C-alpha atoms as a PDB file:
ATOM      1  CA  UNK A   1      12.109  -5.678  -6.492  1.00  0.00           C
ATOM      2  CA  UNK A   2      10.877  -6.221 -10.001  1.00  0.00           C
ATOM      3  CA  UNK A   3      11.090  -3.750 -12.853  1.00  0.00           C
ATOM      4  CA  UNK A   4       8.262  -2.088 -14.726  1.00  0.00           C
ATOM      5  CA  UNK A   5       8.147  -1.478 -18.457  1.00  0.00           C
ATOM      6  CA  UNK A   6       9.824   1.634 -19.806  1.00  0.00           C
ATOM      7  CA  UNK A   7       6.341   3.042 -20.536  1.00  0.00           C
ATOM      8  CA  UNK A   8       5.362   2.919 -16.849  1.00  0.00           C
ATOM      9  CA  UNK A   9       4.311   6.085 -15.047  1.00  0.00           C
ATOM     10  CA  UNK A  10       6.332   7.671 -12.283  1.00  0.00           C
ATOM     11  CA  UNK A  11       6.137   5.755  -9.007  1.00  0.00           C
ATOM     12  CA  UNK A  12       3.519   6.828  -6.486  1.00  0.00           C
ATOM     13  CA  UNK A  13       4.538   7.992  -3.002  1.00  0.00           C
ATOM     14  CA  UNK A  14       3.250   6.877   0.388  1.00  0.00           C
ATOM     15  CA  UNK A  15       4.532   8.555   3.563  1.00  0.00           C
ATOM     16  CA  UNK A  16       3.436   6.914   6.814  1.00  0.00           C
ATOM     17  CA  UNK A  17       4.684   8.875   9.802  1.00  0.00           C
ATOM     18  CA  UNK A  18       3.366   6.704  12.626  1.00  0.00           C
ATOM     19  CA  UNK A  19       2.072   3.238  13.445  1.00  0.00           C
ATOM     20  CA  UNK A  20      -1.648   4.170  13.408  1.00  0.00           C
ATOM     21  CA  UNK A  21      -1.214   5.512   9.853  1.00  0.00           C
ATOM     22  CA  UNK A  22       0.581   2.303   8.875  1.00  0.00           C
ATOM     23  CA  UNK A  23      -2.223   0.220  10.348  1.00  0.00           C
ATOM     24  CA  UNK A  24      -4.842   2.235   8.436  1.00  0.00           C
ATOM     25  CA  UNK A  25      -3.037   1.530   5.132  1.00  0.00           C
ATOM     26  CA  UNK A  26      -1.914  -2.062   5.731  1.00  0.00           C
ATOM     27  CA  UNK A  27      -3.619  -4.939   3.878  1.00  0.00           C
ATOM     28  CA  UNK A  28      -2.989  -8.020   6.045  1.00  0.00           C
ATOM     29  CA  UNK A  29      -5.472 -10.179   4.131  1.00  0.00           C
ATOM     30  CA  UNK A  30      -3.298 -10.286   0.990  1.00  0.00           C
ATOM     31  CA  UNK A  31      -1.030 -13.353   0.779  1.00  0.00           C
ATOM     32  CA  UNK A  32       2.224 -11.354   0.578  1.00  0.00           C
ATOM     33  CA  UNK A  33       0.765  -8.319   2.319  1.00  0.00           C
ATOM     34  CA  UNK A  34       0.152  -4.947   0.765  1.00  0.00           C
ATOM     35  CA  UNK A  35      -0.671  -1.305   1.327  1.00  0.00           C
ATOM     36  CA  UNK A  36      -3.357   1.148   0.308  1.00  0.00           C
ATOM     37  CA  UNK A  37      -1.786   3.993  -1.672  1.00  0.00           C
ATOM     38  CA  UNK A  38      -3.883   7.132  -2.235  1.00  0.00           C
ATOM     39  CA  UNK A  39      -3.970   8.182  -5.895  1.00  0.00           C
ATOM     40  CA  UNK A  40      -6.327   9.463  -8.564  1.00  0.00           C
ATOM     41  CA  UNK A  41      -4.580   7.459 -11.306  1.00  0.00           C
ATOM     42  CA  UNK A  42      -6.748   5.040 -13.237  1.00  0.00           C
ATOM     43  CA  UNK A  43      -4.908   1.732 -12.992  1.00  0.00           C
ATOM     44  CA  UNK A  44      -6.051  -1.662 -14.302  1.00  0.00           C
ATOM     45  CA  UNK A  45      -6.479  -4.913 -12.316  1.00  0.00           C
ATOM     46  CA  UNK A  46      -3.192  -6.807 -11.934  1.00  0.00           C
ATOM     47  CA  UNK A  47      -1.252  -3.843 -13.364  1.00  0.00           C
ATOM     48  CA  UNK A  48       2.269  -3.462 -11.992  1.00  0.00           C
ATOM     49  CA  UNK A  49       2.489  -0.590  -9.522  1.00  0.00           C
ATOM     50  CA  UNK A  50       5.587   1.028  -8.043  1.00  0.00           C
ATOM     51  CA  UNK A  51       5.593   3.377  -5.095  1.00  0.00           C
ATOM     52  CA  UNK A  52       8.059   4.934  -2.734  1.00  0.00           C
ATOM     53  CA  UNK A  53       7.273   3.989   0.850  1.00  0.00           C
ATOM     54  CA  UNK A  54       8.620   6.199   3.594  1.00  0.00           C
ATOM     55  CA  UNK A  55       7.863   4.326   6.781  1.00  0.00           C
ATOM     56  CA  UNK A  56       8.269   5.980  10.193  1.00  0.00           C
ATOM     57  CA  UNK A  57      10.842   8.547   8.965  1.00  0.00           C
ATOM     58  CA  UNK A  58      13.161   5.884   7.496  1.00  0.00           C
ATOM     59  CA  UNK A  59      14.717   6.228   4.062  1.00  0.00           C
ATOM     60  CA  UNK A  60      12.140   5.718   1.282  1.00  0.00           C
ATOM     61  CA  UNK A  61      11.970   2.234  -0.246  1.00  0.00           C
ATOM     62  CA  UNK A  62      10.899   1.581  -3.828  1.00  0.00           C
ATOM     63  CA  UNK A  63       8.179  -1.076  -3.601  1.00  0.00           C
ATOM     64  CA  UNK A  64       6.741  -3.030  -6.520  1.00  0.00           C
ATOM     65  CA  UNK A  65       3.463  -4.887  -6.525  1.00  0.00           C
ATOM     66  CA  UNK A  66       0.285  -5.438  -8.455  1.00  0.00           C
ATOM     67  CA  UNK A  67      -3.033  -3.683  -8.280  1.00  0.00           C
ATOM     68  CA  UNK A  68      -5.367  -5.684  -6.041  1.00  0.00           C
ATOM     69  CA  UNK A  69      -8.246  -3.204  -6.175  1.00  0.00           C
ATOM     70  CA  UNK A  70      -9.014   0.434  -6.868  1.00  0.00           C
ATOM     71  CA  UNK A  71     -11.172   2.858  -4.891  1.00  0.00           C
ATOM     72  CA  UNK A  72     -12.331   5.424  -7.458  1.00  0.00           C
ATOM     73  CA  UNK A  73     -12.850   9.134  -6.913  1.00  0.00           C
ATOM     74  CA  UNK A  74     -16.352   9.649  -5.464  1.00  0.00           C
ATOM     75  CA  UNK A  75     -16.554   6.188  -3.899  1.00  0.00           C
ATOM     76  CA  UNK A  76     -19.301   5.375  -1.417  1.00  0.00           C
ATOM     77  CA  UNK A  77     -18.868   6.383   2.237  1.00  0.00           C
ATOM     78  CA  UNK A  78     -16.415   9.143   1.285  1.00  0.00           C
ATOM     79  CA  UNK A  79     -13.547   6.668   0.937  1.00  0.00           C
ATOM     80  CA  UNK A  80     -10.235   8.117  -0.212  1.00  0.00           C
ATOM     81  CA  UNK A  81      -9.417   7.416  -3.869  1.00  0.00           C
ATOM     82  CA  UNK A  82      -6.503   5.052  -4.245  1.00  0.00           C
ATOM     83  CA  UNK A  83      -5.271   1.555  -4.901  1.00  0.00           C
ATOM     84  CA  UNK A  84      -4.624  -1.575  -2.887  1.00  0.00           C
ATOM     85  CA  UNK A  85      -1.177  -2.821  -3.899  1.00  0.00           C
ATOM     86  CA  UNK A  86      -0.284  -6.489  -3.346  1.00  0.00           C
ATOM     87  CA  UNK A  87       3.459  -6.777  -2.650  1.00  0.00           C
ATOM     88  CA  UNK A  88       5.553  -8.625  -5.236  1.00  0.00           C
ATOM     89  CA  UNK A  89       7.417 -11.805  -4.295  1.00  0.00           C
ATOM     90  CA  UNK A  90      10.584  -9.688  -4.043  1.00  0.00           C
ATOM     91  CA  UNK A  91       8.937  -7.387  -1.470  1.00  0.00           C
ATOM     92  CA  UNK A  92       6.975 -10.069   0.422  1.00  0.00           C
ATOM     93  CA  UNK A  93       9.372  -9.792   3.396  1.00  0.00           C
ATOM     94  CA  UNK A  94       7.918  -6.349   4.054  1.00  0.00           C
ATOM     95  CA  UNK A  95       4.777  -8.066   5.376  1.00  0.00           C
ATOM     96  CA  UNK A  96       6.727  -9.499   8.340  1.00  0.00           C
ATOM     97  CA  UNK A  97       8.412  -6.159   9.037  1.00  0.00           C
ATOM     98  CA  UNK A  98       5.056  -4.317   9.044  1.00  0.00           C
ATOM     99  CA  UNK A  99       3.393  -6.928  11.247  1.00  0.00           C
ATOM    100  CA  UNK A 100       6.280  -6.685  13.735  1.00  0.00           C
ATOM    101  CA  UNK A 101       5.869  -2.887  13.847  1.00  0.00           C
ATOM    102  CA  UNK A 102       2.111  -3.227  14.428  1.00  0.00           C
ATOM    103  CA  UNK A 103       2.338  -6.010  17.024  1.00  0.00           C
ATOM    104  CA  UNK A 104       2.138  -3.636  19.995  1.00  0.00           C
ATOM    105  CA  UNK A 105      -0.850  -1.628  18.713  1.00  0.00           C
ATOM    106  CA  UNK A 106      -4.262  -2.397  20.190  1.00  0.00           C
ATOM    107  CA  UNK A 107      -6.466  -4.321  17.796  1.00  0.00           C
ATOM    108  CA  UNK A 108      -9.545  -2.108  17.953  1.00  0.00           C
ATOM    109  CA  UNK A 109     -11.815  -0.998  15.141  1.00  0.00           C
ATOM    110  CA  UNK A 110     -10.344   2.295  13.966  1.00  0.00           C
ATOM    111  CA  UNK A 111     -11.255   3.269  10.405  1.00  0.00           C
ATOM    112  CA  UNK A 112      -8.880   2.092   7.732  1.00  0.00           C
ATOM    113  CA  UNK A 113      -8.509   2.534   3.984  1.00  0.00           C
ATOM    114  CA  UNK A 114      -8.858  -1.189   3.355  1.00  0.00           C
ATOM    115  CA  UNK A 115     -11.813  -3.130   1.978  1.00  0.00           C
END
């Protein structure tokens, strides 16, 4: 997991208590995978982002990635404000772990926080 500059803000937090919540936040279309993290922070494209991920009641992991996109406050269709974080090379293995966890979920069209 890569480091951020000393000027970086505190890491964000994402708690996903079940597989449907994970699926709603997962970004499978990013090369190394990624997650949508709700926040009101104004981040810039390609900015380094750190967040603590607590996945299915496991110990929190500190994840580092880059901003892929931002959904601003007041976005169309009442979307939740937040950021799409593309996993870093160091955290790219998380994509396989998430996809294994989601493998047994039906692939129907439930709303998600993704694009």
